[in-house]
């Protein structure tokens, strides 16, 4: 079979695998370490298709290491990782290409290329995975993704140094969405943003998830983010995922870190804010109602 035909057949097989999968990410027995320091030891986690899963934990619990392991930037010492049913451990880059094209990643700070404009940054994955797409169509795709994330059209020709912190995050998000992914990884997306900017980014994330049918793996310390948009939360501690569930389910557990995190002053403030929003929504009459 010709290389192009093999590539098309593999992409079709992955497409069918994604359509069948109810679990987007499955991690079993993950072990990560640096020298003698173990970060993960026997970590298990399932991310359901179509959910926003928040990932929390104290400093040094390996939240970003977990994400890097899933996307292939960190090689685990032991364990299995499947994305949409496809094994990601021990596969060559070429072998995993079809599944890697189905996810997008927003790293901390946006991780934009400083010498490229916003539009050129968005075009990077298109150039890498679809080199046959011409400049005109590439420019049109980039412009659409930029608008999709709430940036103004005039942001396209700007350089990262000309953007605010919030705009850089959205530009990074536009690049993560460049290939129409099924799975989106967000690493501390609201870190460094003011409360209004963080809330706007959260709202944009939820809208994109619902509109595009995304599965979102979201690392965050932001309690407002957890309460406002996450369907479930995974808690990392003791080198494992010690609990996964809704915030109400987590609050029913007696683990000291969980109680301190969610029932501390900031947790209580986030709970009160969510309650106020729910009460406000309940009191607002439906559109058109007199």
Protein backbone atom coordinates (compact mmCIF):
# COMPACT_ATOMS: atom_id res chain seq x y z
CA UNK A 1 0.00 0.00 0.00
CA UNK A 2 1.29 3.46 -0.93
CA UNK A 3 2.35 5.73 1.96
CA UNK A 4 -0.50 8.17 1.34
CA UNK A 5 -3.03 5.34 1.26
CA UNK A 6 -1.58 3.89 4.48
CA UNK A 7 -1.81 7.30 6.12
CA UNK A 8 -5.44 7.72 5.04
CA UNK A 9 -6.31 4.21 6.27
CA UNK A 10 -4.70 4.89 9.67
CA UNK A 11 -6.56 8.17 10.05
CA UNK A 12 -9.83 6.43 9.19
CA UNK A 13 -9.12 3.73 11.77
CA UNK A 14 -8.41 6.38 14.42
CA UNK A 15 -11.58 8.23 13.44
CA UNK A 16 -13.61 5.07 14.03
CA UNK A 17 -11.81 4.44 17.33
CA UNK A 18 -12.67 7.95 18.55
CA UNK A 19 -16.31 7.48 17.55
CA UNK A 20 -16.51 4.27 19.64
CA UNK A 21 -14.68 5.59 22.71
CA UNK A 22 -16.59 6.65 25.81
CA UNK A 23 -13.32 7.21 27.66
CA UNK A 24 -11.07 9.82 26.07
CA UNK A 25 -8.01 9.17 28.25
CA UNK A 26 -7.19 6.09 30.31
CA UNK A 27 -4.11 6.01 32.55
CA UNK A 28 -3.18 2.87 34.47
CA UNK A 29 -0.30 2.21 36.87
CA UNK A 30 1.60 5.33 35.86
CA UNK A 31 5.01 5.75 37.45
CA UNK A 32 7.12 8.87 36.90
CA UNK A 33 10.28 9.95 38.60
CA UNK A 34 13.38 12.10 38.35
CA UNK A 35 16.41 10.39 39.77
CA UNK A 36 15.45 8.93 43.14
CA UNK A 37 12.40 11.18 43.50
CA UNK A 38 9.12 9.53 42.54
CA UNK A 39 6.40 11.88 41.34
CA UNK A 40 3.76 9.29 40.46
CA UNK A 41 3.54 5.72 41.69
CA UNK A 42 0.62 3.61 40.49
CA UNK A 43 -1.48 6.52 39.26
CA UNK A 44 -4.84 5.64 37.62
CA UNK A 45 -7.22 8.06 35.89
CA UNK A 46 -10.06 8.02 33.37
CA UNK A 47 -11.22 11.12 31.52
CA UNK A 48 -14.69 10.71 30.07
CA UNK A 49 -15.39 11.81 26.56
CA UNK A 50 -17.11 15.21 26.39
CA UNK A 51 -16.34 16.36 29.94
CA UNK A 52 -14.23 19.13 31.39
CA UNK A 53 -12.03 17.44 33.97
CA UNK A 54 -10.22 19.72 36.39
CA UNK A 55 -6.91 18.43 37.78
CA UNK A 56 -5.75 19.82 41.12
CA UNK A 57 -3.08 19.06 43.68
CA UNK A 58 -0.42 20.69 45.79
CA UNK A 59 2.88 21.91 44.40
CA UNK A 60 5.08 19.02 43.32
CA UNK A 61 2.27 16.50 42.91
CA UNK A 62 3.00 16.21 39.19
CA UNK A 63 -0.03 17.75 37.50
CA UNK A 64 1.97 19.03 34.54
CA UNK A 65 4.09 15.86 34.49
CA UNK A 66 0.88 13.86 34.13
CA UNK A 67 -0.21 15.98 31.18
CA UNK A 68 3.24 15.76 29.59
CA UNK A 69 3.15 11.98 29.97
CA UNK A 70 -0.21 11.78 28.19
CA UNK A 71 0.89 13.94 25.25
CA UNK A 72 4.25 12.19 24.90
CA UNK A 73 6.65 14.84 26.21
CA UNK A 74 7.52 12.75 29.28
CA UNK A 75 8.37 9.04 29.10
CA UNK A 76 6.96 7.23 32.15
CA UNK A 77 8.98 4.64 34.02
CA UNK A 78 5.98 2.32 34.06
CA UNK A 79 2.32 2.27 33.18
CA UNK A 80 -0.15 2.43 30.31
CA UNK A 81 -1.74 5.43 28.64
CA UNK A 82 -4.53 5.15 26.08
CA UNK A 83 -6.09 8.09 24.23
CA UNK A 84 -9.39 7.24 22.54
CA UNK A 85 -8.42 3.58 22.87
CA UNK A 86 -5.00 4.05 21.25
CA UNK A 87 -1.91 3.12 23.26
CA UNK A 88 0.51 6.04 23.56
CA UNK A 89 3.41 4.25 25.28
CA UNK A 90 6.30 2.88 23.26
CA UNK A 91 5.03 4.13 19.90
CA UNK A 92 7.15 6.03 17.43
CA UNK A 93 6.07 9.55 16.57
CA UNK A 94 5.05 8.48 13.07
CA UNK A 95 2.94 5.64 14.48
CA UNK A 96 1.06 7.96 16.83
CA UNK A 97 0.71 10.82 14.34
CA UNK A 98 -2.96 10.19 13.54
CA UNK A 99 -3.99 10.42 17.21
CA UNK A 100 -1.64 13.32 18.07
CA UNK A 101 -3.38 15.41 15.43
CA UNK A 102 -6.62 15.00 17.39
CA UNK A 103 -5.53 17.01 20.42
CA UNK A 104 -4.50 20.60 21.07
CA UNK A 105 -2.42 21.95 23.95
CA UNK A 106 -2.37 25.33 25.70
CA UNK A 107 0.78 25.48 27.82
CA UNK A 108 1.28 27.83 30.76
CA UNK A 109 1.69 31.42 29.59
CA UNK A 110 0.57 30.56 26.07
CA UNK A 111 4.08 29.47 24.92
CA UNK A 112 3.79 31.53 21.74
CA UNK A 113 6.72 31.93 19.37
CA UNK A 114 7.87 35.49 19.99
CA UNK A 115 9.17 36.05 16.44
CA UNK A 116 5.88 35.03 14.82
CA UNK A 117 2.64 36.98 14.66
CA UNK A 118 -0.50 35.61 16.27
CA UNK A 119 -1.76 34.37 12.91
CA UNK A 120 1.60 32.74 12.14
CA UNK A 121 1.57 31.05 15.55
CA UNK A 122 -1.88 29.59 14.82
CA UNK A 123 -0.62 28.36 11.45
CA UNK A 124 2.32 26.42 12.94
CA UNK A 125 0.44 23.11 13.51
CA UNK A 126 -1.31 23.47 10.14
CA UNK A 127 2.06 23.79 8.40
CA UNK A 128 3.41 20.83 10.37
CA UNK A 129 0.57 18.36 9.84
CA UNK A 130 -0.94 19.62 6.58
CA UNK A 131 1.94 21.01 4.48
CA UNK A 132 -0.13 20.79 1.30
CA UNK A 133 -2.61 23.43 2.47
CA UNK A 134 -1.91 26.65 0.59
CA UNK A 135 -1.21 30.07 2.11
CA UNK A 136 -4.66 31.52 1.36
CA UNK A 137 -6.60 28.71 3.05
CA UNK A 138 -4.09 28.64 5.91
CA UNK A 139 -4.63 32.36 6.50
CA UNK A 140 -8.41 31.88 6.44
CA UNK A 141 -8.24 29.06 8.99
CA UNK A 142 -6.01 31.12 11.29
CA UNK A 143 -8.33 34.13 11.06
CA UNK A 144 -11.34 31.95 11.93
CA UNK A 145 -9.62 30.39 14.95
CA UNK A 146 -8.55 33.81 16.19
CA UNK A 147 -12.14 35.07 16.08
CA UNK A 148 -13.39 31.81 17.60
CA UNK A 149 -11.44 32.45 20.79
CA UNK A 150 -12.79 35.98 21.19
CA UNK A 151 -9.79 37.90 19.87
CA UNK A 152 -10.41 40.80 17.49
CA UNK A 153 -9.45 40.29 13.86
CA UNK A 154 -6.72 42.93 14.15
CA UNK A 155 -4.88 40.69 16.66
CA UNK A 156 -3.75 38.41 13.80
CA UNK A 157 -0.81 40.53 12.57
CA UNK A 158 0.35 41.47 16.09
CA UNK A 159 3.34 39.91 17.84
CA UNK A 160 3.05 38.34 21.31
CA UNK A 161 4.95 41.27 22.84
CA UNK A 162 2.11 43.55 21.70
CA UNK A 163 -0.57 41.54 23.50
CA UNK A 164 -1.94 41.66 27.03
CA UNK A 165 -1.72 38.56 29.21
CA UNK A 166 -5.31 37.60 28.50
CA UNK A 167 -4.85 38.05 24.75
CA UNK A 168 -1.76 35.84 24.81
CA UNK A 169 -3.80 33.09 26.48
CA UNK A 170 -6.49 33.37 23.81
CA UNK A 171 -3.87 33.35 21.05
CA UNK A 172 -2.42 30.16 22.53
CA UNK A 173 -5.93 28.72 22.68
CA UNK A 174 -6.49 29.62 19.01
CA UNK A 175 -3.32 27.69 18.12
CA UNK A 176 -4.47 24.72 20.23
CA UNK A 177 -7.72 24.67 18.22
CA UNK A 178 -6.02 25.01 14.83
CA UNK A 179 -6.55 21.38 13.80
CA UNK A 180 -10.15 21.04 15.09
CA UNK A 181 -9.13 18.72 17.96
CA UNK A 182 -11.37 16.32 19.85
CA UNK A 183 -9.26 16.70 23.01
CA UNK A 184 -7.97 19.92 24.55
CA UNK A 185 -5.24 20.17 27.22
CA UNK A 186 -5.14 23.40 29.25
CA UNK A 187 -2.30 23.95 31.73
CA UNK A 188 -3.15 26.73 34.24
CA UNK A 189 -5.08 28.74 31.61
CA UNK A 190 -6.20 31.50 33.99
CA UNK A 191 -2.93 31.90 35.92
CA UNK A 192 -1.85 35.54 35.99
CA UNK A 193 -5.20 36.89 34.80
CA UNK A 194 -7.30 39.33 36.79
CA UNK A 195 -10.65 37.98 38.09
CA UNK A 196 -12.64 39.49 35.22
CA UNK A 197 -10.25 38.16 32.59
CA UNK A 198 -10.17 34.72 34.25
CA UNK A 199 -13.97 34.53 34.36
CA UNK A 200 -14.16 35.53 30.69
CA UNK A 201 -11.64 32.84 29.75
CA UNK A 202 -13.59 30.24 31.73
CA UNK A 203 -16.80 31.25 29.97
CA UNK A 204 -15.07 31.02 26.59
CA UNK A 205 -13.73 27.56 27.44
CA UNK A 206 -17.16 26.24 28.38
CA UNK A 207 -18.76 27.70 25.24
CA UNK A 208 -16.08 26.17 23.02
CA UNK A 209 -16.39 22.81 24.78
CA UNK A 210 -20.15 22.75 24.23
CA UNK A 211 -20.06 24.09 20.68
CA UNK A 212 -17.21 21.90 19.42
CA UNK A 213 -17.92 18.81 21.53
CA UNK A 214 -14.47 18.91 23.13
CA UNK A 215 -13.07 16.81 25.93
CA UNK A 216 -11.01 19.12 28.16
CA UNK A 217 -8.17 18.13 30.51
CA UNK A 218 -7.68 21.26 32.63
CA UNK A 219 -4.92 21.76 35.19
CA UNK A 220 -5.72 24.64 37.52
CA UNK A 221 -5.38 26.11 41.01
CA UNK A 222 -8.31 28.44 40.38
CA UNK A 223 -11.24 27.47 42.58
CA UNK A 224 -13.58 29.70 40.58
CA UNK A 225 -12.67 27.73 37.45
CA UNK A 226 -13.32 24.42 39.20
CA UNK A 227 -16.70 25.52 40.47
CA UNK A 228 -17.88 27.29 37.33
CA UNK A 229 -16.96 25.00 34.42
CA UNK A 230 -15.55 21.63 35.54
CA UNK A 231 -17.83 18.60 35.36
CA UNK A 232 -15.52 16.57 37.61
CA UNK A 233 -12.29 17.17 39.49
CA UNK A 234 -9.33 14.81 39.93
CA UNK A 235 -7.19 15.33 43.03
CA UNK A 236 -3.50 14.41 42.97
CA UNK A 237 -1.81 13.61 46.28
CA UNK A 238 0.39 10.87 47.71
CA UNK A 239 1.78 10.22 44.17
CA UNK A 240 -1.65 9.09 42.95
CA UNK A 241 -5.08 10.35 41.99
CA UNK A 242 -6.71 9.98 45.39
CA UNK A 243 -10.22 11.00 44.31
CA UNK A 244 -12.26 11.92 41.23
CA UNK A 245 -15.76 13.34 41.29
CA UNK A 246 -17.95 16.39 41.41
CA UNK A 247 -17.03 19.00 43.99
CA UNK A 248 -19.98 17.92 46.14
CA UNK A 249 -18.69 14.33 46.03
CA UNK A 250 -15.18 15.46 46.97
CA UNK A 251 -16.49 17.54 49.87
CA UNK A 252 -17.99 14.36 51.33
CA UNK A 253 -14.50 12.84 51.68
CA UNK A 254 -12.43 13.28 54.81
CA UNK A 255 -8.98 13.54 53.24
CA UNK A 256 -7.26 16.49 54.98
CA UNK A 257 -5.89 18.11 51.79
CA UNK A 258 -9.28 17.96 50.07
CA UNK A 259 -11.03 19.46 53.07
CA UNK A 260 -8.44 22.21 53.47
CA UNK A 261 -8.52 23.04 49.76
CA UNK A 262 -12.27 23.10 49.16
CA UNK A 263 -13.42 24.18 52.63
CA UNK A 264 -10.80 26.86 53.23
CA UNK A 265 -11.61 30.60 52.96
CA UNK A 266 -11.17 30.67 49.17
CA UNK A 267 -13.19 27.51 48.74
CA UNK A 268 -16.05 28.96 50.79
CA UNK A 269 -15.87 32.18 48.77
CA UNK A 270 -16.05 30.24 45.50
CA UNK A 271 -19.01 28.24 46.80
CA UNK A 272 -20.82 31.43 47.80
CA UNK A 273 -20.14 32.98 44.38
CA UNK A 274 -21.57 29.97 42.57
CA UNK A 275 -24.64 30.02 44.80
CA UNK A 276 -25.18 33.71 44.03
CA UNK A 277 -24.96 33.03 40.30
CA UNK A 278 -27.44 30.15 40.56
CA UNK A 279 -29.86 32.28 42.59
CA UNK A 280 -29.52 35.10 40.07
CA UNK A 281 -30.20 32.72 37.17
CA UNK A 282 -33.23 31.26 38.94
CA UNK A 283 -34.68 34.73 39.49
CA UNK A 284 -34.10 35.89 35.90
CA UNK A 285 -37.22 35.38 33.78
CA UNK A 286 -36.83 33.45 30.51
CA UNK A 287 -36.13 35.57 27.43
CA UNK A 288 -39.29 37.09 26.09
CA UNK A 289 -41.23 36.46 29.28
CA UNK A 290 -43.20 39.50 30.45
